[in-house]
Amino acid sequence: MARSLPARLVVGSVFGLLVATGAYAHHGWSWAEAEQMELSGTIRAISMAPPHPTLRVETENDGIWRVELGNPRLTERSGFVEGVAKVGDPIVALGNRSLDQNEKRMKAVRITVAGKVYDIYPERIQTN
């Protein structure tokens, strides 16, 4: 049975709004604190997959954190490409922590892996 044009428009509009809202929420920084923090640990997993490459970082006292990098192209421009880091490498991540203190998640603006610095978002770095 065919849907009427108004019903299809409503369904399409709702779907479009959901997609746009999700994309905005995902790509913005509104979920993160304004103040930056430093996280030190060991890389336990690396994913270079879109929409954002991520690292799982184990800290000595606080367990496993999810460290999100920039979109794949931005991350690549920083020099952080597949193969430059491996599981077991030491890492220091500078970035903005999730507003949800129960969530061990940060958006990194700079990472230092085995002594090599990668500025993911150089314009957002608040300290050198």
C-alpha atoms as a PDB file:
ATOM      1  CA  MET A   1       0.000   0.000   0.000  1.00  0.00           C
ATOM      2  CA  ALA A   2       1.466   3.368  -0.986  1.00  0.00           C
ATOM      3  CA  ARG A   3       1.897   6.092   1.616  1.00  0.00           C
ATOM      4  CA  SER A   4       0.499   9.499   0.970  1.00  0.00           C
ATOM      5  CA  LEU A   5       2.880  12.311   0.095  1.00  0.00           C
ATOM      6  CA  PRO A   6       2.352  14.143   3.448  1.00  0.00           C
ATOM      7  CA  ALA A   7       3.142  10.949   5.393  1.00  0.00           C
ATOM      8  CA  ARG A   8       6.341  10.420   3.406  1.00  0.00           C
ATOM      9  CA  LEU A   9       7.338  14.031   3.985  1.00  0.00           C
ATOM     10  CA  VAL A  10       6.820  13.692   7.743  1.00  0.00           C
ATOM     11  CA  VAL A  11       8.816  10.451   7.917  1.00  0.00           C
ATOM     12  CA  GLY A  12      11.578  11.922   5.757  1.00  0.00           C
ATOM     13  CA  SER A  13      11.710  15.131   7.793  1.00  0.00           C
ATOM     14  CA  VAL A  14      11.902  13.275  11.107  1.00  0.00           C
ATOM     15  CA  PHE A  15      14.663  11.018   9.767  1.00  0.00           C
ATOM     16  CA  GLY A  16      16.601  14.023   8.424  1.00  0.00           C
ATOM     17  CA  LEU A  17      16.298  15.840  11.733  1.00  0.00           C
ATOM     18  CA  LEU A  18      17.568  12.807  13.657  1.00  0.00           C
ATOM     19  CA  VAL A  19      20.561  12.399  11.364  1.00  0.00           C
ATOM     20  CA  ALA A  20      21.431  16.107  11.492  1.00  0.00           C
ATOM     21  CA  THR A  21      21.061  16.257  15.284  1.00  0.00           C
ATOM     22  CA  GLY A  22      23.231  13.173  15.754  1.00  0.00           C
ATOM     23  CA  ALA A  23      25.921  14.501  13.442  1.00  0.00           C
ATOM     24  CA  TYR A  24      25.969  17.859  15.210  1.00  0.00           C
ATOM     25  CA  ALA A  25      26.174  16.287  18.650  1.00  0.00           C
ATOM     26  CA  HIS A  26      28.923  13.912  17.540  1.00  0.00           C
ATOM     27  CA  HIS A  27      31.122  16.460  15.804  1.00  0.00           C
ATOM     28  CA  GLY A  28      30.828  19.295  18.299  1.00  0.00           C
ATOM     29  CA  TRP A  29      32.808  19.845  21.465  1.00  0.00           C
ATOM     30  CA  SER A  30      29.752  20.502  23.656  1.00  0.00           C
ATOM     31  CA  TRP A  31      30.145  17.105  25.354  1.00  0.00           C
ATOM     32  CA  ALA A  32      33.647  17.988  26.608  1.00  0.00           C
ATOM     33  CA  GLU A  33      34.932  20.191  29.410  1.00  0.00           C
ATOM     34  CA  ALA A  34      36.540  23.507  28.460  1.00  0.00           C
ATOM     35  CA  GLU A  35      39.584  22.890  30.663  1.00  0.00           C
ATOM     36  CA  GLN A  36      42.210  20.554  29.257  1.00  0.00           C
ATOM     37  CA  MET A  37      43.819  17.663  31.072  1.00  0.00           C
ATOM     38  CA  GLU A  38      46.761  15.380  30.489  1.00  0.00           C
ATOM     39  CA  LEU A  39      46.370  11.606  30.450  1.00  0.00           C
ATOM     40  CA  SER A  40      49.378   9.275  30.608  1.00  0.00           C
ATOM     41  CA  GLY A  41      49.308   5.564  30.003  1.00  0.00           C
ATOM     42  CA  THR A  42      49.858   2.704  27.603  1.00  0.00           C
ATOM     43  CA  ILE A  43      48.074   2.135  24.300  1.00  0.00           C
ATOM     44  CA  ARG A  44      45.931  -1.005  24.518  1.00  0.00           C
ATOM     45  CA  ALA A  45      44.036  -0.668  21.198  1.00  0.00           C
ATOM     46  CA  ILE A  46      44.162   1.526  18.097  1.00  0.00           C
ATOM     47  CA  SER A  47      41.341   2.115  15.613  1.00  0.00           C
ATOM     48  CA  MET A  48      41.886   4.328  12.585  1.00  0.00           C
ATOM     49  CA  ALA A  49      38.288   3.860  11.385  1.00  0.00           C
ATOM     50  CA  PRO A  50      35.926   6.764  10.696  1.00  0.00           C
ATOM     51  CA  PRO A  51      34.290   8.827  11.969  1.00  0.00           C
ATOM     52  CA  HIS A  52      37.202   9.396  14.391  1.00  0.00           C
ATOM     53  CA  PRO A  53      40.299   7.337  15.023  1.00  0.00           C
ATOM     54  CA  THR A  54      40.355   6.248  18.658  1.00  0.00           C
ATOM     55  CA  LEU A  55      42.813   4.843  21.134  1.00  0.00           C
ATOM     56  CA  ARG A  56      42.139   2.764  24.219  1.00  0.00           C
ATOM     57  CA  VAL A  57      44.638   3.907  26.813  1.00  0.00           C
ATOM     58  CA  GLU A  58      45.299   2.133  30.086  1.00  0.00           C
ATOM     59  CA  THR A  59      46.366   4.409  32.919  1.00  0.00           C
ATOM     60  CA  GLU A  60      48.157   3.230  36.030  1.00  0.00           C
ATOM     61  CA  ASN A  61      45.480   4.339  38.495  1.00  0.00           C
ATOM     62  CA  ASP A  62      42.308   4.972  36.499  1.00  0.00           C
ATOM     63  CA  GLY A  63      41.837   2.026  34.145  1.00  0.00           C
ATOM     64  CA  ILE A  64      41.019   2.197  30.442  1.00  0.00           C
ATOM     65  CA  TRP A  65      40.159   5.499  28.717  1.00  0.00           C
ATOM     66  CA  ARG A  66      38.760   6.135  25.231  1.00  0.00           C
ATOM     67  CA  VAL A  67      40.859   8.831  23.533  1.00  0.00           C
ATOM     68  CA  GLU A  68      39.227  10.263  20.415  1.00  0.00           C
ATOM     69  CA  LEU A  69      41.353  11.942  17.762  1.00  0.00           C
ATOM     70  CA  GLY A  70      40.264  14.190  14.874  1.00  0.00           C
ATOM     71  CA  ASN A  71      38.541  12.946  11.742  1.00  0.00           C
ATOM     72  CA  PRO A  72      40.759  10.602   9.698  1.00  0.00           C
ATOM     73  CA  ARG A  73      42.067  13.326   7.360  1.00  0.00           C
ATOM     74  CA  LEU A  74      42.844  15.732  10.221  1.00  0.00           C
ATOM     75  CA  THR A  75      44.548  12.987  12.213  1.00  0.00           C
ATOM     76  CA  GLU A  76      46.609  11.990   9.164  1.00  0.00           C
ATOM     77  CA  ARG A  77      47.704  15.615   8.622  1.00  0.00           C
ATOM     78  CA  SER A  78      49.137  15.628  12.152  1.00  0.00           C
ATOM     79  CA  GLY A  79      51.399  12.753  11.078  1.00  0.00           C
ATOM     80  CA  PHE A  80      49.559  10.149  13.142  1.00  0.00           C
ATOM     81  CA  VAL A  81      48.928   7.467  10.546  1.00  0.00           C
ATOM     82  CA  GLU A  82      48.503   3.722  10.686  1.00  0.00           C
ATOM     83  CA  GLY A  83      51.719   2.063  11.793  1.00  0.00           C
ATOM     84  CA  VAL A  84      53.364   4.958  13.687  1.00  0.00           C
ATOM     85  CA  ALA A  85      52.091   3.622  17.013  1.00  0.00           C
ATOM     86  CA  LYS A  86      51.469   0.146  18.312  1.00  0.00           C
ATOM     87  CA  VAL A  87      49.776  -1.526  21.225  1.00  0.00           C
ATOM     88  CA  GLY A  88      52.088  -1.278  24.224  1.00  0.00           C
ATOM     89  CA  ASP A  89      53.529   2.143  23.331  1.00  0.00           C
ATOM     90  CA  PRO A  90      53.569   4.788  26.061  1.00  0.00           C
ATOM     91  CA  ILE A  91      51.307   7.773  25.379  1.00  0.00           C
ATOM     92  CA  VAL A  92      50.550  11.173  26.826  1.00  0.00           C
ATOM     93  CA  ALA A  93      47.298  12.713  25.588  1.00  0.00           C
ATOM     94  CA  LEU A  94      46.374  16.362  26.098  1.00  0.00           C
ATOM     95  CA  GLY A  95      42.713  17.081  25.598  1.00  0.00           C
ATOM     96  CA  ASN A  96      39.246  17.772  26.886  1.00  0.00           C
ATOM     97  CA  ARG A  97      37.523  15.267  29.142  1.00  0.00           C
ATOM     98  CA  SER A  98      33.875  14.295  28.846  1.00  0.00           C
ATOM     99  CA  LEU A  99      31.502  16.384  30.959  1.00  0.00           C
ATOM    100  CA  ASP A 100      30.149  13.075  32.292  1.00  0.00           C
ATOM    101  CA  GLN A 101      32.641  12.284  35.066  1.00  0.00           C
ATOM    102  CA  ASN A 102      31.547   8.627  34.993  1.00  0.00           C
ATOM    103  CA  GLU A 103      32.748   8.360  31.400  1.00  0.00           C
ATOM    104  CA  LYS A 104      36.475   7.830  30.834  1.00  0.00           C
ATOM    105  CA  ARG A 105      36.576   9.600  27.487  1.00  0.00           C
ATOM    106  CA  MET A 106      38.551  12.523  26.108  1.00  0.00           C
ATOM    107  CA  LYS A 107      38.953  14.385  22.829  1.00  0.00           C
ATOM    108  CA  ALA A 108      42.693  14.762  22.274  1.00  0.00           C
ATOM    109  CA  VAL A 109      44.181  17.945  20.849  1.00  0.00           C
ATOM    110  CA  ARG A 110      47.757  16.606  21.077  1.00  0.00           C
ATOM    111  CA  ILE A 111      49.203  13.167  21.647  1.00  0.00           C
ATOM    112  CA  THR A 112      52.780  12.171  22.331  1.00  0.00           C
ATOM    113  CA  VAL A 113      53.551   8.556  21.488  1.00  0.00           C
ATOM    114  CA  ALA A 114      56.955   7.109  22.371  1.00  0.00           C
ATOM    115  CA  GLY A 115      58.362  10.672  22.480  1.00  0.00           C
ATOM    116  CA  LYS A 116      56.903  11.829  19.098  1.00  0.00           C
ATOM    117  CA  VAL A 117      54.392  14.709  19.244  1.00  0.00           C
ATOM    118  CA  TYR A 118      51.264  14.790  17.048  1.00  0.00           C
ATOM    119  CA  ASP A 119      49.233  18.011  17.156  1.00  0.00           C
ATOM    120  CA  ILE A 120      45.736  16.933  16.121  1.00  0.00           C
ATOM    121  CA  TYR A 121      44.062  20.301  16.815  1.00  0.00           C
ATOM    122  CA  PRO A 122      46.983  22.790  17.129  1.00  0.00           C
ATOM    123  CA  GLU A 123      44.611  25.769  17.317  1.00  0.00           C
ATOM    124  CA  ARG A 124      42.937  24.289  20.419  1.00  0.00           C
ATOM    125  CA  ILE A 125      46.080  23.589  22.457  1.00  0.00           C
ATOM    126  CA  GLN A 126      45.890  25.706  25.598  1.00  0.00           C
ATOM    127  CA  THR A 127      49.395  24.991  26.890  1.00  0.00           C
ATOM    128  CA  ASN A 128      52.782  24.078  25.468  1.00  0.00           C
END
